[in-house]
Amino acid sequence: MYSIHYGCIHMAKTLTTRAPDSLAKEIEALAREEHLDRSSLIRRLLAEAVEEKRKRKALRIYAEGKASIGKAASIARISIWDMMELIRQRGLHIDYGSEELLEDLEPLRRKKGARGK
C-alpha cells in the first residue's frame, strides 16, 4: 500500500496483531462513531499512542534532569514552546538557565556555520 504526503510517496507496512474481543468491539464502535473504516481508525489510534509515548519519554528524561527542554522537545518531536507548555501542564518545574539555552542554540550555530563555509 502506498500513500502520498506532500508530494512524497510512502510505502505502508502491514502490521498484524491479536486483540481481545472486548477491544475489537470497542474499535468497531469507535470506527462507526467517527465514520471511519476499522483500519483507518487503528492507524490513527496507533499514531496517537506513539506520539503520546514520545511525549511521556521526553517528560520523564526532562524531569530526571537527563535532558534540556530542547533535547526533550526533539525527542517528543515538538517545538520548544510546545514542550514548555507540556511541562507546565504536567506541573513540572521549568528550569531553563543559561546552560540549557546554550545547549538548545548549538544546532543553530552548527547550521549557521555550515552555511558560512
C-alpha atoms as a PDB file:
ATOM      1  CA  MET A   1       0.000   0.000   0.000  1.00  0.00           C
ATOM      2  CA  TYR A   2       1.302   3.444  -0.895  1.00  0.00           C
ATOM      3  CA  SER A   3       0.280   6.859   0.318  1.00  0.00           C
ATOM      4  CA  ILE A   4       1.276  10.282  -0.960  1.00  0.00           C
ATOM      5  CA  HIS A   5       2.054  13.069   1.518  1.00  0.00           C
ATOM      6  CA  TYR A   6       3.297  16.470   0.342  1.00  0.00           C
ATOM      7  CA  GLY A   7       4.496  15.060  -2.962  1.00  0.00           C
ATOM      8  CA  CYS A   8       6.430  12.175  -1.372  1.00  0.00           C
ATOM      9  CA  ILE A   9       5.458   8.540  -1.770  1.00  0.00           C
ATOM     10  CA  HIS A  10       5.487   6.486   1.423  1.00  0.00           C
ATOM     11  CA  MET A  11       5.105   2.741   1.445  1.00  0.00           C
ATOM     12  CA  ALA A  12       2.907   1.453   4.268  1.00  0.00           C
ATOM     13  CA  LYS A  13       3.959  -1.595   6.250  1.00  0.00           C
ATOM     14  CA  THR A  14       1.385  -4.193   7.231  1.00  0.00           C
ATOM     15  CA  LEU A  15       1.276  -4.914  10.964  1.00  0.00           C
ATOM     16  CA  THR A  16      -0.587  -7.883  12.374  1.00  0.00           C
ATOM     17  CA  THR A  17      -1.751  -8.277  15.969  1.00  0.00           C
ATOM     18  CA  ARG A  18      -4.363 -10.037  18.030  1.00  0.00           C
ATOM     19  CA  ALA A  19      -6.739  -8.168  20.316  1.00  0.00           C
ATOM     20  CA  PRO A  20      -9.260  -9.322  22.910  1.00  0.00           C
ATOM     21  CA  ASP A  21     -12.869  -9.438  21.705  1.00  0.00           C
ATOM     22  CA  SER A  22     -13.802  -6.558  24.011  1.00  0.00           C
ATOM     23  CA  LEU A  23     -11.146  -4.313  22.450  1.00  0.00           C
ATOM     24  CA  ALA A  24     -12.138  -5.338  18.923  1.00  0.00           C
ATOM     25  CA  LYS A  25     -15.769  -4.458  19.675  1.00  0.00           C
ATOM     26  CA  GLU A  26     -14.741  -1.107  21.105  1.00  0.00           C
ATOM     27  CA  ILE A  27     -12.678  -0.349  17.998  1.00  0.00           C
ATOM     28  CA  GLU A  28     -15.623  -1.254  15.758  1.00  0.00           C
ATOM     29  CA  ALA A  29     -17.911   1.050  17.769  1.00  0.00           C
ATOM     30  CA  LEU A  30     -15.418   3.928  17.628  1.00  0.00           C
ATOM     31  CA  ALA A  31     -14.954   3.442  13.887  1.00  0.00           C
ATOM     32  CA  ARG A  32     -18.712   3.697  13.363  1.00  0.00           C
ATOM     33  CA  GLU A  33     -18.942   6.796  15.577  1.00  0.00           C
ATOM     34  CA  GLU A  34     -16.144   8.518  13.684  1.00  0.00           C
ATOM     35  CA  HIS A  35     -17.352   7.323  10.256  1.00  0.00           C
ATOM     36  CA  LEU A  36     -14.056   5.566   9.557  1.00  0.00           C
ATOM     37  CA  ASP A  37     -13.171   2.111   8.431  1.00  0.00           C
ATOM     38  CA  ARG A  38     -11.505  -0.026  11.085  1.00  0.00           C
ATOM     39  CA  SER A  39      -8.033   0.182   9.521  1.00  0.00           C
ATOM     40  CA  SER A  40      -8.120   3.986   9.361  1.00  0.00           C
ATOM     41  CA  LEU A  41      -9.172   4.208  12.988  1.00  0.00           C
ATOM     42  CA  ILE A  42      -6.464   1.765  14.103  1.00  0.00           C
ATOM     43  CA  ARG A  43      -3.819   3.741  12.167  1.00  0.00           C
ATOM     44  CA  ARG A  44      -4.989   6.946  13.851  1.00  0.00           C
ATOM     45  CA  LEU A  45      -5.009   5.334  17.300  1.00  0.00           C
ATOM     46  CA  LEU A  46      -1.523   3.884  16.788  1.00  0.00           C
ATOM     47  CA  ALA A  47      -0.143   7.228  15.620  1.00  0.00           C
ATOM     48  CA  GLU A  48      -1.672   8.987  18.644  1.00  0.00           C
ATOM     49  CA  ALA A  49      -0.296   6.332  21.011  1.00  0.00           C
ATOM     50  CA  VAL A  50       3.227   6.580  19.564  1.00  0.00           C
ATOM     51  CA  GLU A  51       3.107  10.385  19.779  1.00  0.00           C
ATOM     52  CA  GLU A  52       1.964  10.204  23.405  1.00  0.00           C
ATOM     53  CA  LYS A  53       4.685   7.652  24.214  1.00  0.00           C
ATOM     54  CA  ARG A  54       7.364  10.002  22.794  1.00  0.00           C
ATOM     55  CA  LYS A  55       5.997  12.879  24.882  1.00  0.00           C
ATOM     56  CA  ARG A  56       5.962  10.788  28.074  1.00  0.00           C
ATOM     57  CA  LYS A  57       9.545   9.671  27.440  1.00  0.00           C
ATOM     58  CA  ALA A  58      10.629  13.276  26.850  1.00  0.00           C
ATOM     59  CA  LEU A  59       8.890  14.439  30.035  1.00  0.00           C
ATOM     60  CA  ARG A  60      10.473  11.624  32.040  1.00  0.00           C
ATOM     61  CA  ILE A  61      14.037  12.328  30.953  1.00  0.00           C
ATOM     62  CA  TYR A  62      13.500  16.072  31.410  1.00  0.00           C
ATOM     63  CA  ALA A  63      12.121  15.520  34.932  1.00  0.00           C
ATOM     64  CA  GLU A  64      15.113  13.268  35.728  1.00  0.00           C
ATOM     65  CA  GLY A  65      17.443  16.078  34.653  1.00  0.00           C
ATOM     66  CA  LYS A  66      18.887  13.973  31.825  1.00  0.00           C
ATOM     67  CA  ALA A  67      17.832  16.355  29.048  1.00  0.00           C
ATOM     68  CA  SER A  68      17.306  20.044  28.442  1.00  0.00           C
ATOM     69  CA  ILE A  69      13.980  21.374  27.252  1.00  0.00           C
ATOM     70  CA  GLY A  70      15.375  21.495  23.715  1.00  0.00           C
ATOM     71  CA  LYS A  71      16.547  17.884  23.820  1.00  0.00           C
ATOM     72  CA  ALA A  72      13.224  16.772  25.317  1.00  0.00           C
ATOM     73  CA  ALA A  73      11.360  18.692  22.601  1.00  0.00           C
ATOM     74  CA  SER A  74      13.473  16.961  19.974  1.00  0.00           C
ATOM     75  CA  ILE A  75      12.662  13.538  21.436  1.00  0.00           C
ATOM     76  CA  ALA A  76       8.950  14.406  21.554  1.00  0.00           C
ATOM     77  CA  ARG A  77       9.180  15.890  18.027  1.00  0.00           C
ATOM     78  CA  ILE A  78       7.537  19.121  19.119  1.00  0.00           C
ATOM     79  CA  SER A  79       8.723  22.733  19.373  1.00  0.00           C
ATOM     80  CA  ILE A  80      10.499  24.012  22.463  1.00  0.00           C
ATOM     81  CA  TRP A  81       7.460  26.216  23.151  1.00  0.00           C
ATOM     82  CA  ASP A  82       5.109  23.234  22.974  1.00  0.00           C
ATOM     83  CA  MET A  83       7.467  21.280  25.248  1.00  0.00           C
ATOM     84  CA  MET A  84       7.445  24.105  27.779  1.00  0.00           C
ATOM     85  CA  GLU A  85       3.643  24.124  27.699  1.00  0.00           C
ATOM     86  CA  LEU A  86       3.557  20.342  28.165  1.00  0.00           C
ATOM     87  CA  ILE A  87       5.920  20.632  31.137  1.00  0.00           C
ATOM     88  CA  ARG A  88       3.694  23.343  32.625  1.00  0.00           C
ATOM     89  CA  GLN A  89       0.533  21.266  32.065  1.00  0.00           C
ATOM     90  CA  ARG A  90       2.107  18.306  33.872  1.00  0.00           C
ATOM     91  CA  GLY A  91       3.040  20.507  36.811  1.00  0.00           C
ATOM     92  CA  LEU A  92       6.786  20.093  36.391  1.00  0.00           C
ATOM     93  CA  HIS A  93       9.244  22.857  37.233  1.00  0.00           C
ATOM     94  CA  ILE A  94      10.757  24.608  34.227  1.00  0.00           C
ATOM     95  CA  ASP A  95      14.450  25.006  34.952  1.00  0.00           C
ATOM     96  CA  TYR A  96      15.798  26.871  31.954  1.00  0.00           C
ATOM     97  CA  GLY A  97      19.090  28.552  32.627  1.00  0.00           C
ATOM     98  CA  SER A  98      21.926  29.842  30.503  1.00  0.00           C
ATOM     99  CA  GLU A  99      23.457  26.364  30.104  1.00  0.00           C
ATOM    100  CA  GLU A 100      20.224  24.997  28.665  1.00  0.00           C
ATOM    101  CA  LEU A 101      19.882  27.991  26.361  1.00  0.00           C
ATOM    102  CA  LEU A 102      23.408  27.482  25.011  1.00  0.00           C
ATOM    103  CA  GLU A 103      22.735  23.758  24.526  1.00  0.00           C
ATOM    104  CA  ASP A 104      19.500  24.475  22.667  1.00  0.00           C
ATOM    105  CA  LEU A 105      21.180  27.095  20.461  1.00  0.00           C
ATOM    106  CA  GLU A 106      24.049  24.783  19.454  1.00  0.00           C
ATOM    107  CA  PRO A 107      22.194  23.207  16.482  1.00  0.00           C
ATOM    108  CA  LEU A 108      21.503  26.718  15.145  1.00  0.00           C
ATOM    109  CA  ARG A 109      25.183  27.642  15.474  1.00  0.00           C
ATOM    110  CA  ARG A 110      26.220  24.485  13.624  1.00  0.00           C
ATOM    111  CA  LYS A 111      23.676  25.180  10.889  1.00  0.00           C
ATOM    112  CA  LYS A 112      24.841  28.780  10.538  1.00  0.00           C
ATOM    113  CA  GLY A 113      28.472  27.627  10.442  1.00  0.00           C
ATOM    114  CA  ALA A 114      27.709  25.104   7.704  1.00  0.00           C
ATOM    115  CA  ARG A 115      26.119  27.817   5.559  1.00  0.00           C
ATOM    116  CA  GLY A 116      29.059  30.152   6.035  1.00  0.00           C
ATOM    117  CA  LYS A 117      31.555  27.698   4.535  1.00  0.00           C
END
